[in-house]
């Protein structure tokens, strides 16, 4: 049970970091375009 909860936490954490990285890359590309 604890393992599954930990897996959920790690998955959400990794997904949020990945999303932030993608947003940062897009913002950087937009700023370079302007």
N, C-alpha and C. Protein backbone atom coordinates (compact mmCIF):
# COMPACT_ATOMS: atom_id res chain seq x y z
N UNK A 1 0.84 -1.20 0.00
CA UNK A 1 0.00 0.00 0.00
C UNK A 1 0.88 1.26 0.00
N UNK A 2 1.88 1.27 0.89
CA UNK A 2 2.76 2.43 0.93
C UNK A 2 3.56 2.56 -0.36
N UNK A 3 3.93 1.39 -0.92
CA UNK A 3 4.70 1.43 -2.17
C UNK A 3 3.90 2.08 -3.28
N UNK A 4 2.61 1.74 -3.35
CA UNK A 4 1.76 2.31 -4.41
C UNK A 4 1.60 3.81 -4.21
N UNK A 5 1.44 4.23 -2.96
CA UNK A 5 1.29 5.67 -2.69
C UNK A 5 2.58 6.41 -3.05
N UNK A 6 3.72 5.80 -2.73
CA UNK A 6 5.00 6.42 -3.05
C UNK A 6 5.16 6.52 -4.56
N UNK A 7 4.73 5.47 -5.28
CA UNK A 7 4.82 5.47 -6.74
C UNK A 7 3.97 6.60 -7.32
N UNK A 8 2.77 6.78 -6.76
CA UNK A 8 1.88 7.85 -7.19
C UNK A 8 2.56 9.21 -6.99
N UNK A 9 3.15 9.40 -5.80
CA UNK A 9 3.79 10.68 -5.47
C UNK A 9 4.95 10.96 -6.43
N UNK A 10 5.79 9.94 -6.66
CA UNK A 10 6.94 10.11 -7.56
C UNK A 10 6.47 10.39 -8.98
N UNK A 11 5.40 9.71 -9.41
CA UNK A 11 4.89 9.91 -10.76
C UNK A 11 4.37 11.33 -10.96
N UNK A 12 3.61 11.82 -10.00
CA UNK A 12 3.06 13.18 -10.09
C UNK A 12 4.19 14.21 -10.05
N UNK A 13 5.19 13.96 -9.20
CA UNK A 13 6.34 14.86 -9.06
C UNK A 13 7.11 14.93 -10.37
N UNK A 14 7.36 13.77 -10.97
CA UNK A 14 8.10 13.73 -12.24
C UNK A 14 7.30 14.40 -13.35
N UNK A 15 6.00 14.17 -13.38
CA UNK A 15 5.15 14.76 -14.43
C UNK A 15 5.12 16.28 -14.30
N UNK A 16 5.06 16.78 -13.07
CA UNK A 16 5.02 18.23 -12.88
C UNK A 16 6.34 18.87 -13.31
N UNK A 17 7.46 18.22 -12.99
CA UNK A 17 8.77 18.75 -13.39
C UNK A 17 8.89 18.73 -14.91
N UNK A 18 8.40 17.64 -15.52
CA UNK A 18 8.45 17.51 -16.98
C UNK A 18 7.62 18.63 -17.62
N UNK A 19 6.42 18.88 -17.06
CA UNK A 19 5.54 19.91 -17.60
C UNK A 19 6.20 21.28 -17.46
N UNK A 20 6.84 21.54 -16.32
CA UNK A 20 7.51 22.83 -16.11
C UNK A 20 8.64 23.00 -17.12
N UNK A 21 9.37 21.91 -17.39
CA UNK A 21 10.46 21.96 -18.35
C UNK A 21 9.95 22.30 -19.75
N UNK A 22 8.83 21.67 -20.13
CA UNK A 22 8.25 21.92 -21.46
C UNK A 22 7.78 23.37 -21.56
N UNK A 23 7.13 23.86 -20.52
CA UNK A 23 6.64 25.25 -20.52
C UNK A 23 7.83 26.21 -20.61
N UNK A 24 8.91 25.92 -19.88
CA UNK A 24 10.09 26.78 -19.91
C UNK A 24 10.69 26.80 -21.31
N UNK A 25 10.75 25.64 -21.97
CA UNK A 25 11.31 25.58 -23.32
C UNK A 25 10.46 26.38 -24.29
N UNK A 26 9.13 26.26 -24.16
CA UNK A 26 8.22 26.99 -25.05
C UNK A 26 8.37 28.50 -24.83
N UNK A 27 8.41 28.92 -23.56
CA UNK A 27 8.55 30.35 -23.26
C UNK A 27 9.88 30.87 -23.80
N UNK A 28 10.94 30.08 -23.68
CA UNK A 28 12.25 30.50 -24.16
C UNK A 28 12.22 30.66 -25.68
N UNK A 29 11.56 29.71 -26.37
CA UNK A 29 11.46 29.77 -27.83
C UNK A 29 10.66 31.00 -28.25
N UNK A 30 9.57 31.28 -27.53
CA UNK A 30 8.73 32.44 -27.86
C UNK A 30 9.52 33.73 -27.64
N UNK A 31 10.26 33.81 -26.54
CA UNK A 31 11.03 35.02 -26.26
C UNK A 31 12.13 35.20 -27.31
N UNK A 32 12.74 34.11 -27.76
CA UNK A 32 13.77 34.21 -28.80
C UNK A 32 13.14 34.65 -30.12
N UNK A 33 11.91 34.17 -30.37
CA UNK A 33 11.22 34.55 -31.60
C UNK A 33 10.91 36.04 -31.62
N UNK A 34 10.58 36.59 -30.45
CA UNK A 34 10.27 38.02 -30.34
C UNK A 34 11.59 38.79 -30.25
